[in-house]
Amino acid sequence: MNNRRNPLEVSEPAPVTVQPANIHDSLRVAAPRKRNRQWEKEHQSHKVVYRGVDPKLALKVKSIAGELLVPTGDVARAVIEYSLRAYEQDDLDLRPRINPDRVRMTLFPTQDSVRTYGRQPRAAKRKKTEALWKVITTWRGFPPELKNKLAVLASENELNVPVGELITALLRFGLKAYDHGLLQLEPVQKAAAHTLAEPG
């Protein structure tokens, strides 16, 4: 006899198992829950957004913050404040130079903008990187006074440079001081919330 199954034969239907209703399905509401953005609204003045900051320096700030287990904005603020103090004490030179490509001055002139007399320009073998003005850096924890101080220093009445270039120059100076041990960053534990004492 042949033990092969007849393809036209209808087999018995498989038993249907009923899944119990998920308790979470009955608790779901039609509209998604809105996130409470009250903290962001209250601390909006402590957020800074800068265009044109050197991304390598911003990543180094982030790396240091990760090592110290502190917010990135705190490290950036400490480095920038250190550099500003050095500038006020004439230990940091932020003398802007003329940039023929723009109306504003620059702290980082390109090789083309520096006049070289009697020398042949070198052939550029570097690949072009993305324009720094497209890079946006955001930090939290900056007091409004520091934001205003940086804006005034970069304004037409002071250095007349883009704010991103100013931040880059300040970060470069401060991070170099950190690497040489001149700037010490000591993390301090911050109380996050209160808790109830255990009974008994």
Protein backbone atom coordinates (compact mmCIF):
# COMPACT_ATOMS: atom_id res chain seq x y z
CA MET A 1 0.00 0.00 0.00
CA ASN A 2 0.95 3.51 -0.61
CA ASN A 3 1.53 5.65 2.51
CA ARG A 4 1.32 8.91 0.63
CA ARG A 5 -1.28 11.46 1.66
CA ASN A 6 -4.03 12.32 -0.80
CA PRO A 7 -3.70 16.06 -1.62
CA LEU A 8 -7.43 16.38 -2.23
CA GLU A 9 -8.34 14.98 1.15
CA VAL A 10 -9.47 17.57 3.68
CA SER A 11 -7.72 17.20 6.98
CA GLU A 12 -9.20 18.09 10.31
CA PRO A 13 -8.82 21.76 11.18
CA ALA A 14 -6.17 22.55 13.77
CA PRO A 15 -7.57 23.37 17.17
CA VAL A 16 -7.96 27.12 17.69
CA THR A 17 -6.34 28.49 20.80
CA VAL A 18 -7.87 31.60 22.25
CA GLN A 19 -5.40 34.17 23.58
CA PRO A 20 -6.56 35.95 26.70
CA ALA A 21 -7.07 39.66 26.25
CA ASN A 22 -4.03 41.77 27.05
CA ILE A 23 -4.71 43.82 30.15
CA HIS A 24 -2.70 46.72 28.70
CA ASP A 25 -4.99 46.93 25.66
CA SER A 26 -7.93 47.88 27.83
CA LEU A 27 -5.90 50.62 29.58
CA ARG A 28 -4.73 52.34 26.44
CA VAL A 29 -6.26 55.67 25.56
CA ALA A 30 -6.91 56.86 22.05
CA ALA A 31 -4.71 59.97 22.23
CA PRO A 32 -0.99 59.61 23.01
CA ARG A 33 0.19 61.06 26.28
CA LYS A 34 1.76 64.49 25.93
CA ARG A 35 5.22 64.95 27.37
CA ASN A 36 5.59 67.60 30.05
CA ARG A 37 7.94 70.24 28.63
CA GLN A 38 7.75 72.58 31.62
CA TRP A 39 11.42 72.08 32.59
CA GLU A 40 12.58 72.93 29.06
CA LYS A 41 10.45 76.08 29.04
CA GLU A 42 11.81 77.21 32.40
CA HIS A 43 15.45 76.57 31.41
CA GLN A 44 15.34 77.83 27.81
CA SER A 45 17.52 80.80 28.75
CA HIS A 46 20.27 78.39 29.86
CA LYS A 47 20.56 76.72 26.45
CA VAL A 48 23.05 77.90 23.82
CA VAL A 49 23.16 77.05 20.13
CA TYR A 50 26.27 78.05 18.20
CA ARG A 51 26.97 77.66 14.51
CA GLY A 52 30.52 77.16 13.27
CA VAL A 53 32.18 75.63 16.34
CA ASP A 54 34.99 73.23 15.41
CA PRO A 55 33.37 69.77 15.73
CA LYS A 56 36.62 68.14 16.90
CA LEU A 57 36.74 70.48 19.88
CA ALA A 58 33.05 69.93 20.63
CA LEU A 59 33.65 66.15 20.59
CA LYS A 60 36.62 66.55 22.93
CA VAL A 61 34.40 68.51 25.34
CA LYS A 62 31.84 65.71 25.14
CA SER A 63 34.53 63.10 25.78
CA ILE A 64 35.82 64.92 28.86
CA ALA A 65 32.24 65.25 30.15
CA GLY A 66 31.79 61.50 29.70
CA GLU A 67 34.99 60.76 31.64
CA LEU A 68 33.98 63.08 34.49
CA LEU A 69 30.31 61.99 34.41
CA VAL A 70 29.07 65.58 34.20
CA PRO A 71 26.87 67.34 31.61
CA THR A 72 28.65 68.43 28.43
CA GLY A 73 27.45 72.01 28.88
CA ASP A 74 29.19 72.20 32.27
CA VAL A 75 32.54 71.26 30.73
CA ALA A 76 32.10 73.68 27.83
CA ARG A 77 31.13 76.45 30.24
CA ALA A 78 34.16 75.82 32.50
CA VAL A 79 36.58 75.78 29.55
CA ILE A 80 35.09 78.94 28.01
CA GLU A 81 35.04 80.82 31.33
CA TYR A 82 38.70 79.87 31.91
CA SER A 83 39.62 81.20 28.47
CA LEU A 84 37.63 84.41 29.00
CA ARG A 85 39.49 85.05 32.26
CA ALA A 86 42.78 84.53 30.40
CA TYR A 87 41.63 86.99 27.72
CA GLU A 88 40.73 89.59 30.34
CA GLN A 89 44.19 89.17 31.93
CA ASP A 90 45.87 89.53 28.49
CA ASP A 91 47.09 85.89 28.55
CA LEU A 92 45.04 85.06 25.44
CA ASP A 93 45.37 87.07 22.25
CA LEU A 94 42.14 87.27 20.25
CA ARG A 95 43.34 89.77 17.66
CA PRO A 96 41.08 89.40 14.61
CA ARG A 97 42.50 89.63 11.12
CA ILE A 98 40.95 90.84 7.89
CA ASN A 99 39.19 88.18 5.91
CA PRO A 100 38.84 89.20 2.24
CA ASP A 101 36.10 86.62 1.69
CA ARG A 102 33.77 88.19 4.25
CA VAL A 103 32.70 91.52 5.67
CA ARG A 104 33.52 90.46 9.23
CA MET A 105 36.96 89.85 10.66
CA THR A 106 38.27 86.35 11.44
CA LEU A 107 40.33 84.70 14.14
CA PHE A 108 41.38 81.96 11.71
CA PRO A 109 42.56 83.43 8.39
CA THR A 110 42.96 81.05 5.48
CA GLN A 111 46.27 80.72 3.67
CA ASP A 112 44.83 82.66 0.72
CA SER A 113 44.00 85.66 2.89
CA VAL A 114 47.53 85.94 4.31
CA ARG A 115 49.70 87.98 1.99
CA THR A 116 52.87 86.16 1.06
CA TYR A 117 55.37 88.19 -0.87
CA GLY A 118 58.02 86.49 -2.98
CA ARG A 119 56.82 82.95 -2.26
CA GLN A 120 54.97 80.60 -4.53
CA PRO A 121 51.71 79.29 -3.06
CA ARG A 122 51.84 75.63 -2.15
CA ALA A 123 49.59 73.18 -3.94
CA ALA A 124 46.65 72.20 -1.78
CA LYS A 125 46.57 68.45 -1.29
CA ARG A 126 44.05 68.40 1.52
CA LYS A 127 40.54 67.32 0.86
CA LYS A 128 37.99 70.01 1.53
CA THR A 129 35.97 69.57 4.67
CA GLU A 130 32.38 70.63 5.17
CA ALA A 131 31.97 74.31 5.87
CA LEU A 132 32.07 74.97 9.61
CA TRP A 133 29.08 77.31 9.47
CA LYS A 134 26.93 74.26 8.77
CA VAL A 135 27.94 72.64 12.07
CA ILE A 136 25.54 73.41 14.93
CA THR A 137 26.57 72.85 18.55
CA THR A 138 24.08 72.93 21.44
CA TRP A 139 24.87 72.98 25.15
CA ARG A 140 22.76 73.40 28.28
CA GLY A 141 23.77 74.95 31.56
CA PHE A 142 25.02 78.34 30.31
CA PRO A 143 23.87 81.30 32.39
CA PRO A 144 22.34 84.15 30.37
CA GLU A 145 25.13 86.48 31.57
CA LEU A 146 27.79 84.28 29.91
CA LYS A 147 25.75 84.04 26.69
CA ASN A 148 25.45 87.83 26.58
CA LYS A 149 29.14 88.33 27.34
CA LEU A 150 30.13 86.06 24.43
CA ALA A 151 27.66 87.79 22.09
CA VAL A 152 28.99 91.24 23.01
CA LEU A 153 32.62 90.13 22.60
CA ALA A 154 31.89 88.76 19.11
CA SER A 155 29.81 91.80 18.08
CA GLU A 156 30.83 94.61 15.72
CA ASN A 157 31.71 96.88 18.63
CA GLU A 158 34.30 94.43 20.00
CA LEU A 159 36.07 91.74 17.89
CA ASN A 160 33.61 91.73 14.95
CA VAL A 161 33.97 87.97 14.40
CA PRO A 162 31.41 85.17 14.09
CA VAL A 163 30.41 83.76 17.49
CA GLY A 164 31.34 80.24 16.36
CA GLU A 165 34.91 81.35 15.66
CA LEU A 166 35.11 83.01 19.06
CA ILE A 167 33.84 79.86 20.80
CA THR A 168 36.32 77.76 18.79
CA ALA A 169 39.24 79.99 19.82
CA LEU A 170 38.18 79.92 23.47
CA LEU A 171 37.71 76.14 23.45
CA ARG A 172 41.06 75.58 21.75
CA PHE A 173 42.88 77.68 24.37
CA GLY A 174 41.01 76.16 27.33
CA LEU A 175 41.32 72.56 26.17
CA LYS A 176 45.05 73.02 25.61
CA ALA A 177 45.30 74.33 29.19
CA TYR A 178 43.30 71.28 30.36
CA ASP A 179 45.66 68.93 28.51
CA HIS A 180 48.70 70.58 30.15
CA GLY A 181 47.11 70.44 33.61
CA LEU A 182 46.63 74.21 33.94
CA LEU A 183 42.84 73.88 34.05
CA GLN A 184 41.53 71.45 36.65
CA LEU A 185 37.96 70.18 36.30
CA GLU A 186 36.72 68.65 39.55
CA PRO A 187 33.27 67.02 39.42
CA VAL A 188 31.08 67.62 42.47
CA GLN A 189 28.12 65.44 43.36
CA LYS A 190 24.84 67.27 42.92
CA ALA A 191 21.70 66.45 44.89
CA ALA A 192 19.08 65.48 42.35
CA ALA A 193 15.99 64.97 44.53
CA HIS A 194 14.78 64.43 48.03
CA THR A 195 13.74 61.03 49.28
CA LEU A 196 11.72 59.81 52.25
CA ALA A 197 13.49 58.19 55.18
CA GLU A 198 12.77 54.52 55.62
CA PRO A 199 10.32 53.79 58.44
CA GLY A 200 11.60 52.24 61.64
